[in-house]
N, C-alpha and C. Protein backbone atom coordinates (compact mmCIF):
# COMPACT_ATOMS: atom_id res chain seq x y z
N MET A 1 -104.74 -108.77 2.22
CA MET A 1 -103.87 -108.41 1.13
C MET A 1 -103.84 -109.56 0.12
N SER A 2 -103.87 -109.21 -1.10
CA SER A 2 -103.81 -110.23 -2.14
C SER A 2 -102.37 -110.53 -2.48
N ARG A 3 -102.19 -111.66 -3.09
CA ARG A 3 -100.85 -112.07 -3.51
C ARG A 3 -100.27 -111.06 -4.50
N ALA A 4 -101.10 -110.59 -5.41
CA ALA A 4 -100.63 -109.62 -6.41
C ALA A 4 -100.17 -108.33 -5.74
N SER A 5 -100.92 -107.88 -4.73
CA SER A 5 -100.51 -106.64 -4.07
C SER A 5 -99.22 -106.84 -3.28
N LEU A 6 -99.04 -108.01 -2.69
CA LEU A 6 -97.79 -108.30 -1.99
C LEU A 6 -96.62 -108.35 -2.96
N GLN A 7 -96.84 -108.94 -4.12
CA GLN A 7 -95.77 -109.00 -5.12
C GLN A 7 -95.44 -107.59 -5.63
N THR A 8 -96.47 -106.76 -5.79
CA THR A 8 -96.25 -105.38 -6.21
C THR A 8 -95.47 -104.63 -5.15
N ASP A 9 -95.86 -104.79 -3.89
CA ASP A 9 -95.15 -104.14 -2.79
C ASP A 9 -93.69 -104.61 -2.75
N LEU A 10 -93.48 -105.88 -2.95
CA LEU A 10 -92.13 -106.43 -2.94
C LEU A 10 -91.31 -105.84 -4.08
N ALA A 11 -91.88 -105.78 -5.27
CA ALA A 11 -91.16 -105.21 -6.43
C ALA A 11 -90.86 -103.74 -6.19
N ASN A 12 -91.80 -103.01 -5.62
CA ASN A 12 -91.58 -101.59 -5.32
C ASN A 12 -90.47 -101.41 -4.29
N ALA A 13 -90.46 -102.26 -3.27
CA ALA A 13 -89.43 -102.17 -2.24
C ALA A 13 -88.06 -102.49 -2.82
N GLN A 14 -88.00 -103.48 -3.69
CA GLN A 14 -86.72 -103.83 -4.32
C GLN A 14 -86.23 -102.68 -5.20
N ALA A 15 -87.14 -102.07 -5.96
CA ALA A 15 -86.75 -100.96 -6.83
C ALA A 15 -86.26 -99.78 -5.99
N ARG A 16 -86.93 -99.52 -4.89
CA ARG A 16 -86.52 -98.42 -4.01
C ARG A 16 -85.15 -98.69 -3.42
N THR A 17 -84.90 -99.93 -3.03
CA THR A 17 -83.60 -100.31 -2.48
C THR A 17 -82.50 -100.09 -3.51
N VAL A 18 -82.77 -100.44 -4.75
CA VAL A 18 -81.78 -100.25 -5.82
C VAL A 18 -81.51 -98.76 -6.00
N ARG A 19 -82.58 -97.94 -6.03
CA ARG A 19 -82.40 -96.49 -6.20
C ARG A 19 -81.61 -95.89 -5.04
N LEU A 20 -81.93 -96.30 -3.82
CA LEU A 20 -81.22 -95.77 -2.65
C LEU A 20 -79.76 -96.19 -2.65
N SER A 21 -79.50 -97.42 -3.03
CA SER A 21 -78.11 -97.89 -3.10
C SER A 21 -77.32 -97.08 -4.12
N ALA A 22 -77.93 -96.82 -5.27
CA ALA A 22 -77.26 -96.03 -6.30
C ALA A 22 -76.99 -94.62 -5.80
N ARG A 23 -77.95 -94.04 -5.10
CA ARG A 23 -77.78 -92.68 -4.58
C ARG A 23 -76.67 -92.64 -3.53
N ILE A 24 -76.62 -93.64 -2.66
CA ILE A 24 -75.57 -93.70 -1.65
C ILE A 24 -74.20 -93.80 -2.33
N GLN A 25 -74.09 -94.63 -3.35
CA GLN A 25 -72.82 -94.75 -4.06
C GLN A 25 -72.43 -93.43 -4.71
N GLN A 26 -73.42 -92.73 -5.27
CA GLN A 26 -73.14 -91.43 -5.88
C GLN A 26 -72.63 -90.45 -4.82
N LEU A 27 -73.26 -90.42 -3.67
CA LEU A 27 -72.83 -89.52 -2.60
C LEU A 27 -71.45 -89.90 -2.07
N GLU A 28 -71.19 -91.18 -1.99
CA GLU A 28 -69.87 -91.61 -1.55
C GLU A 28 -68.80 -91.16 -2.55
N ARG A 29 -69.10 -91.27 -3.85
CA ARG A 29 -68.14 -90.81 -4.85
C ARG A 29 -67.91 -89.30 -4.73
N ARG A 30 -69.00 -88.55 -4.54
CA ARG A 30 -68.86 -87.10 -4.40
C ARG A 30 -68.04 -86.75 -3.17
N LEU A 31 -68.33 -87.43 -2.07
CA LEU A 31 -67.59 -87.18 -0.84
C LEU A 31 -66.12 -87.52 -1.03
N SER A 32 -65.85 -88.64 -1.68
CA SER A 32 -64.47 -89.03 -1.94
C SER A 32 -63.77 -87.98 -2.81
N GLN A 33 -64.47 -87.48 -3.80
CA GLN A 33 -63.89 -86.44 -4.66
C GLN A 33 -63.60 -85.18 -3.87
N GLU A 34 -64.54 -84.77 -3.04
CA GLU A 34 -64.32 -83.57 -2.21
C GLU A 34 -63.12 -83.76 -1.28
N LEU A 35 -63.06 -84.94 -0.66
CA LEU A 35 -61.95 -85.21 0.25
C LEU A 35 -60.62 -85.25 -0.52
N GLY A 36 -60.65 -85.82 -1.73
CA GLY A 36 -59.44 -85.85 -2.55
C GLY A 36 -58.98 -84.45 -2.93
N GLU A 37 -59.94 -83.62 -3.33
CA GLU A 37 -59.59 -82.23 -3.67
C GLU A 37 -59.07 -81.49 -2.45
N HIS A 38 -59.68 -81.75 -1.31
CA HIS A 38 -59.22 -81.12 -0.07
C HIS A 38 -57.78 -81.54 0.24
N ALA A 39 -57.51 -82.83 0.12
CA ALA A 39 -56.15 -83.32 0.38
C ALA A 39 -55.17 -82.70 -0.62
N TRP A 40 -55.61 -82.55 -1.86
CA TRP A 40 -54.75 -81.94 -2.89
C TRP A 40 -54.40 -80.51 -2.50
N ARG A 41 -55.38 -79.75 -2.08
CA ARG A 41 -55.13 -78.36 -1.69
C ARG A 41 -54.29 -78.29 -0.41
N GLU A 42 -54.58 -79.18 0.55
CA GLU A 42 -53.83 -79.18 1.82
C GLU A 42 -52.36 -79.52 1.59
N SER A 43 -52.10 -80.29 0.56
CA SER A 43 -50.71 -80.68 0.29
C SER A 43 -49.91 -79.51 -0.26
N GLY A 44 -50.59 -78.43 -0.61
CA GLY A 44 -49.91 -77.27 -1.16
C GLY A 44 -49.80 -77.31 -2.67
N LEU A 45 -50.31 -78.37 -3.28
CA LEU A 45 -50.23 -78.49 -4.73
C LEU A 45 -51.41 -77.81 -5.43
N GLY A 46 -52.50 -77.65 -4.70
CA GLY A 46 -53.69 -77.03 -5.29
C GLY A 46 -53.89 -75.63 -4.77
N ALA A 47 -54.87 -74.96 -5.33
CA ALA A 47 -55.18 -73.59 -4.90
C ALA A 47 -55.83 -73.63 -3.52
N PRO A 48 -55.55 -72.65 -2.67
CA PRO A 48 -56.16 -72.62 -1.33
C PRO A 48 -57.67 -72.40 -1.44
N THR A 49 -58.40 -72.99 -0.51
CA THR A 49 -59.86 -72.82 -0.49
C THR A 49 -60.31 -72.48 0.92
N ASP A 50 -61.55 -72.22 1.01
CA ASP A 50 -62.15 -71.92 2.30
C ASP A 50 -62.38 -73.24 3.05
N ILE A 51 -61.59 -73.47 4.07
CA ILE A 51 -61.65 -74.70 4.84
C ILE A 51 -63.01 -74.87 5.50
N GLU A 52 -63.56 -73.81 6.01
CA GLU A 52 -64.86 -73.89 6.67
C GLU A 52 -65.94 -74.34 5.71
N GLU A 53 -65.92 -73.83 4.48
CA GLU A 53 -66.91 -74.24 3.49
C GLU A 53 -66.76 -75.71 3.16
N LEU A 54 -65.54 -76.15 3.05
CA LEU A 54 -65.29 -77.56 2.79
C LEU A 54 -65.80 -78.43 3.94
N GLN A 55 -65.57 -77.99 5.17
CA GLN A 55 -66.07 -78.73 6.32
C GLN A 55 -67.60 -78.79 6.33
N ARG A 56 -68.24 -77.67 5.97
CA ARG A 56 -69.71 -77.65 5.89
C ARG A 56 -70.20 -78.63 4.82
N THR A 57 -69.51 -78.67 3.70
CA THR A 57 -69.89 -79.60 2.63
C THR A 57 -69.75 -81.04 3.10
N ILE A 58 -68.66 -81.34 3.75
CA ILE A 58 -68.45 -82.70 4.26
C ILE A 58 -69.54 -83.05 5.27
N THR A 59 -69.86 -82.14 6.16
CA THR A 59 -70.90 -82.37 7.16
C THR A 59 -72.25 -82.63 6.50
N ARG A 60 -72.57 -81.81 5.48
CA ARG A 60 -73.84 -82.01 4.76
C ARG A 60 -73.87 -83.38 4.08
N LEU A 61 -72.77 -83.76 3.46
CA LEU A 61 -72.72 -85.05 2.78
C LEU A 61 -72.79 -86.22 3.77
N GLU A 62 -72.13 -86.07 4.90
CA GLU A 62 -72.21 -87.12 5.91
C GLU A 62 -73.63 -87.27 6.43
N GLN A 63 -74.32 -86.13 6.67
CA GLN A 63 -75.70 -86.18 7.14
C GLN A 63 -76.59 -86.84 6.10
N ARG A 64 -76.40 -86.48 4.84
CA ARG A 64 -77.21 -87.07 3.77
C ARG A 64 -76.96 -88.57 3.69
N ASN A 65 -75.71 -88.96 3.88
CA ASN A 65 -75.37 -90.38 3.88
C ASN A 65 -76.10 -91.11 5.02
N VAL A 66 -76.15 -90.49 6.19
CA VAL A 66 -76.86 -91.08 7.33
C VAL A 66 -78.35 -91.21 7.00
N GLU A 67 -78.93 -90.16 6.42
CA GLU A 67 -80.35 -90.20 6.07
C GLU A 67 -80.63 -91.31 5.07
N LEU A 68 -79.78 -91.44 4.07
CA LEU A 68 -79.99 -92.47 3.07
C LEU A 68 -79.79 -93.87 3.64
N THR A 69 -78.85 -94.00 4.55
CA THR A 69 -78.64 -95.28 5.20
C THR A 69 -79.86 -95.67 6.01
N GLU A 70 -80.43 -94.72 6.73
CA GLU A 70 -81.65 -94.99 7.51
C GLU A 70 -82.80 -95.37 6.58
N ALA A 71 -82.93 -94.65 5.47
CA ALA A 71 -83.99 -94.96 4.51
C ALA A 71 -83.80 -96.35 3.92
N LEU A 72 -82.55 -96.70 3.64
CA LEU A 72 -82.25 -98.03 3.11
C LEU A 72 -82.60 -99.11 4.13
N GLU A 73 -82.24 -98.88 5.38
CA GLU A 73 -82.57 -99.85 6.43
C GLU A 73 -84.08 -100.01 6.57
N GLU A 74 -84.80 -98.90 6.49
CA GLU A 74 -86.27 -98.94 6.55
C GLU A 74 -86.82 -99.74 5.37
N SER A 75 -86.27 -99.50 4.21
CA SER A 75 -86.71 -100.21 3.01
C SER A 75 -86.43 -101.70 3.14
N GLN A 76 -85.27 -102.03 3.68
CA GLN A 76 -84.95 -103.44 3.86
C GLN A 76 -85.88 -104.10 4.88
N ALA A 77 -86.26 -103.35 5.91
CA ALA A 77 -87.22 -103.88 6.89
C ALA A 77 -88.58 -104.10 6.23
N ASP A 78 -89.00 -103.15 5.40
CA ASP A 78 -90.26 -103.30 4.67
C ASP A 78 -90.20 -104.51 3.75
N LEU A 79 -89.09 -104.69 3.10
CA LEU A 79 -88.91 -105.81 2.20
C LEU A 79 -88.98 -107.13 2.97
N ALA A 80 -88.33 -107.18 4.11
CA ALA A 80 -88.36 -108.40 4.93
C ALA A 80 -89.79 -108.69 5.39
N ALA A 81 -90.52 -107.66 5.77
CA ALA A 81 -91.91 -107.85 6.19
C ALA A 81 -92.77 -108.34 5.02
N ALA A 82 -92.55 -107.78 3.85
CA ALA A 82 -93.30 -108.21 2.67
C ALA A 82 -92.99 -109.66 2.32
N ARG A 83 -91.73 -110.02 2.44
CA ARG A 83 -91.35 -111.41 2.16
C ARG A 83 -92.01 -112.37 3.15
N GLU A 84 -92.02 -111.98 4.42
CA GLU A 84 -92.64 -112.83 5.43
C GLU A 84 -94.14 -112.95 5.17
N ALA A 85 -94.78 -111.83 4.83
CA ALA A 85 -96.21 -111.88 4.52
C ALA A 85 -96.45 -112.76 3.30
N ASN A 86 -95.58 -112.69 2.34
CA ASN A 86 -95.70 -113.52 1.14
C ASN A 86 -95.56 -115.00 1.51
N ARG A 87 -94.60 -115.33 2.38
CA ARG A 87 -94.43 -116.71 2.81
C ARG A 87 -95.67 -117.20 3.56
N GLU A 88 -96.22 -116.35 4.43
CA GLU A 88 -97.42 -116.73 5.17
C GLU A 88 -98.59 -116.95 4.23
N LEU A 89 -98.73 -116.08 3.27
CA LEU A 89 -99.81 -116.22 2.30
C LEU A 89 -99.64 -117.51 1.51
N THR A 90 -98.43 -117.81 1.10
CA THR A 90 -98.17 -119.03 0.35
C THR A 90 -98.49 -120.25 1.21
N ARG A 91 -98.08 -120.21 2.47
CA ARG A 91 -98.38 -121.33 3.37
C ARG A 91 -99.88 -121.50 3.54
N SER A 92 -100.60 -120.39 3.71
CA SER A 92 -102.05 -120.50 3.90
C SER A 92 -102.74 -120.99 2.63
N LEU A 93 -102.23 -120.58 1.48
CA LEU A 93 -102.78 -121.07 0.22
C LEU A 93 -102.50 -122.56 0.04
N ASN A 94 -101.31 -122.98 0.41
CA ASN A 94 -100.96 -124.40 0.32
C ASN A 94 -101.77 -125.22 1.30
N ASP A 95 -102.01 -124.70 2.50
CA ASP A 95 -102.81 -125.42 3.50
C ASP A 95 -104.27 -125.53 3.07
N ALA A 96 -104.75 -124.52 2.36
CA ALA A 96 -106.15 -124.49 1.94
C ALA A 96 -106.38 -125.31 0.68
N ALA A 97 -105.34 -125.66 -0.05
CA ALA A 97 -105.48 -126.42 -1.30
C ALA A 97 -105.95 -127.83 -0.96
N PRO A 98 -106.88 -128.35 -1.76
CA PRO A 98 -107.36 -129.72 -1.51
C PRO A 98 -106.24 -130.72 -1.76
N CYS A 99 -106.22 -131.78 -0.93
CA CYS A 99 -105.21 -132.81 -1.07
C CYS A 99 -105.76 -133.93 -1.92
N GLY A 100 -104.92 -134.62 -2.61
CA GLY A 100 -105.33 -135.78 -3.40
C GLY A 100 -105.57 -135.41 -4.85
N PRO A 101 -105.77 -136.43 -5.69
CA PRO A 101 -105.95 -136.18 -7.12
C PRO A 101 -107.31 -135.58 -7.42
N ARG A 102 -107.34 -134.80 -8.48
CA ARG A 102 -108.60 -134.19 -8.92
C ARG A 102 -109.22 -135.08 -9.98
N SER A 103 -110.55 -135.11 -10.00
CA SER A 103 -111.24 -135.93 -10.98
C SER A 103 -111.74 -135.08 -12.12
């Protein structure tokens, strides 16, 4: 692997991590909104809804959150591996560099 390809892989992994984090935050906001609306209706202040449908929505959102968390963990593992490979490459390049002044 070349240094450029490792840097590209690292940049791609970082971008993916940012996208996944944003998506998780979006899902958390949606879940919070659904739970807030549910609490509003349960309090008797809002219109009654189908509790089963709400439970299915919560279950779907929780599952999606789990999937995204797993994807994020995988991305972080890939990023850690890329960083380690980058460190090894840098060490090998430094070890291979000639020592002493150049003429």
